[in-house]
Amino acid sequence: MTYSFHLGVNLEGLPEDVRLEIGRTMQQIADAVTTIPPSSAFWSSMKDSLLQIDVRGYRVVYRIDTGRRVIIVVELSRLR
């Protein structure tokens, strides 16, 4: 079963190329976690974890909602 992603933050103020790159990156993450077996210890560690990735000068913080099978972006900040 596949995962999707949801932007829980507003990207309107960002340049279009940055918004698109963040979307592509989150889709790649959703595609990757889909391949992890349900029995993997990875999933138990994700229940309360926040993850982050830096994309084009922005830090994207996200979590994995295993019940809804969705990656949710919960925070976005510009790197200095």
C-alpha atoms as a PDB file:
ATOM      1  CA  MET A   1       0.000   0.000   0.000  1.00  0.00           C
ATOM      2  CA  THR A   2       1.381   3.399  -0.949  1.00  0.00           C
ATOM      3  CA  TYR A   3       2.031   6.482   1.132  1.00  0.00           C
ATOM      4  CA  SER A   4       1.096   9.987   0.085  1.00  0.00           C
ATOM      5  CA  PHE A   5       2.242  13.338   1.416  1.00  0.00           C
ATOM      6  CA  HIS A   6       0.393  16.325   2.813  1.00  0.00           C
ATOM      7  CA  LEU A   7       1.741  19.842   3.234  1.00  0.00           C
ATOM      8  CA  GLY A   8       0.626  20.992   6.651  1.00  0.00           C
ATOM      9  CA  VAL A   9       2.393  24.319   6.078  1.00  0.00           C
ATOM     10  CA  ASN A  10       1.821  27.160   3.629  1.00  0.00           C
ATOM     11  CA  LEU A  11       4.348  27.297   0.778  1.00  0.00           C
ATOM     12  CA  GLU A  12       2.775  30.308  -0.971  1.00  0.00           C
ATOM     13  CA  GLY A  13       5.590  32.721  -0.131  1.00  0.00           C
ATOM     14  CA  LEU A  14       8.276  30.480  -1.606  1.00  0.00           C
ATOM     15  CA  PRO A  15       9.575  30.666  -5.167  1.00  0.00           C
ATOM     16  CA  GLU A  16       7.822  28.201  -7.460  1.00  0.00           C
ATOM     17  CA  ASP A  17      10.974  26.165  -8.126  1.00  0.00           C
ATOM     18  CA  VAL A  18      11.484  25.675  -4.376  1.00  0.00           C
ATOM     19  CA  ARG A  19       7.840  24.638  -3.883  1.00  0.00           C
ATOM     20  CA  LEU A  20       8.128  22.128  -6.706  1.00  0.00           C
ATOM     21  CA  GLU A  21      11.391  20.710  -5.352  1.00  0.00           C
ATOM     22  CA  ILE A  22       9.889  20.291  -1.872  1.00  0.00           C
ATOM     23  CA  GLY A  23       6.919  18.485  -3.419  1.00  0.00           C
ATOM     24  CA  ARG A  24       9.187  16.189  -5.456  1.00  0.00           C
ATOM     25  CA  THR A  25      11.325  15.439  -2.414  1.00  0.00           C
ATOM     26  CA  MET A  26       8.338  14.582  -0.240  1.00  0.00           C
ATOM     27  CA  GLN A  27       6.929  12.332  -2.980  1.00  0.00           C
ATOM     28  CA  GLN A  28      10.278  10.533  -3.187  1.00  0.00           C
ATOM     29  CA  ILE A  29      10.190   9.977   0.578  1.00  0.00           C
ATOM     30  CA  ALA A  30       6.608   8.678   0.358  1.00  0.00           C
ATOM     31  CA  ASP A  31       7.638   6.317  -2.448  1.00  0.00           C
ATOM     32  CA  ALA A  32      10.655   5.098  -0.461  1.00  0.00           C
ATOM     33  CA  VAL A  33       8.803   4.323   2.782  1.00  0.00           C
ATOM     34  CA  THR A  34       6.244   2.355   0.792  1.00  0.00           C
ATOM     35  CA  THR A  35       8.983  -0.223   0.148  1.00  0.00           C
ATOM     36  CA  ILE A  36       9.747  -0.813   3.855  1.00  0.00           C
ATOM     37  CA  PRO A  37       8.216  -4.076   5.103  1.00  0.00           C
ATOM     38  CA  PRO A  38       5.498  -3.680   7.770  1.00  0.00           C
ATOM     39  CA  SER A  39       7.514  -5.919  10.112  1.00  0.00           C
ATOM     40  CA  SER A  40      10.541  -3.583  10.034  1.00  0.00           C
ATOM     41  CA  ALA A  41      11.671  -1.996  13.318  1.00  0.00           C
ATOM     42  CA  PHE A  42      11.664   1.281  11.388  1.00  0.00           C
ATOM     43  CA  TRP A  43       7.904   1.615  11.882  1.00  0.00           C
ATOM     44  CA  SER A  44       7.939   1.385  15.675  1.00  0.00           C
ATOM     45  CA  SER A  45      10.543   4.152  15.794  1.00  0.00           C
ATOM     46  CA  MET A  46       8.409   6.388  13.554  1.00  0.00           C
ATOM     47  CA  LYS A  47       5.380   6.515  15.852  1.00  0.00           C
ATOM     48  CA  ASP A  48       6.611   9.574  17.762  1.00  0.00           C
ATOM     49  CA  SER A  49       9.463  10.762  15.558  1.00  0.00           C
ATOM     50  CA  LEU A  50       9.941  13.976  13.650  1.00  0.00           C
ATOM     51  CA  LEU A  51      12.282  13.856  10.688  1.00  0.00           C
ATOM     52  CA  GLN A  52      13.891  16.625   8.705  1.00  0.00           C
ATOM     53  CA  ILE A  53      15.462  17.180   5.326  1.00  0.00           C
ATOM     54  CA  ASP A  54      17.059  20.283   3.845  1.00  0.00           C
ATOM     55  CA  VAL A  55      15.763  21.283   0.417  1.00  0.00           C
ATOM     56  CA  ARG A  56      17.064  24.282  -1.557  1.00  0.00           C
ATOM     57  CA  GLY A  57      17.892  26.354   1.526  1.00  0.00           C
ATOM     58  CA  TYR A  58      14.868  25.328   3.592  1.00  0.00           C
ATOM     59  CA  ARG A  59      14.544  22.840   6.428  1.00  0.00           C
ATOM     60  CA  VAL A  60      11.468  20.660   5.981  1.00  0.00           C
ATOM     61  CA  VAL A  61      10.284  18.890   9.144  1.00  0.00           C
ATOM     62  CA  TYR A  62       7.853  16.026   8.708  1.00  0.00           C
ATOM     63  CA  ARG A  63       6.345  13.019  10.415  1.00  0.00           C
ATOM     64  CA  ILE A  64       4.998   9.738   9.170  1.00  0.00           C
ATOM     65  CA  ASP A  65       1.399   8.932  10.085  1.00  0.00           C
ATOM     66  CA  THR A  66       1.408   5.153   9.776  1.00  0.00           C
ATOM     67  CA  GLY A  67      -2.315   4.829  10.464  1.00  0.00           C
ATOM     68  CA  ARG A  68      -3.307   7.097   7.591  1.00  0.00           C
ATOM     69  CA  ARG A  69      -0.253   6.172   5.486  1.00  0.00           C
ATOM     70  CA  VAL A  70       0.697   9.778   4.890  1.00  0.00           C
ATOM     71  CA  ILE A  71       3.847  11.890   5.231  1.00  0.00           C
ATOM     72  CA  ILE A  72       2.892  15.217   6.841  1.00  0.00           C
ATOM     73  CA  VAL A  73       5.073  18.320   6.585  1.00  0.00           C
ATOM     74  CA  VAL A  74       4.690  20.027   9.963  1.00  0.00           C
ATOM     75  CA  GLU A  75       7.289  22.799   9.827  1.00  0.00           C
ATOM     76  CA  LEU A  76       9.291  24.759   7.280  1.00  0.00           C
ATOM     77  CA  SER A  77      12.084  27.213   8.021  1.00  0.00           C
ATOM     78  CA  ARG A  78      14.717  28.994   5.970  1.00  0.00           C
ATOM     79  CA  LEU A  79      18.284  27.930   6.673  1.00  0.00           C
ATOM     80  CA  ARG A  80      20.788  30.640   7.548  1.00  0.00           C
END
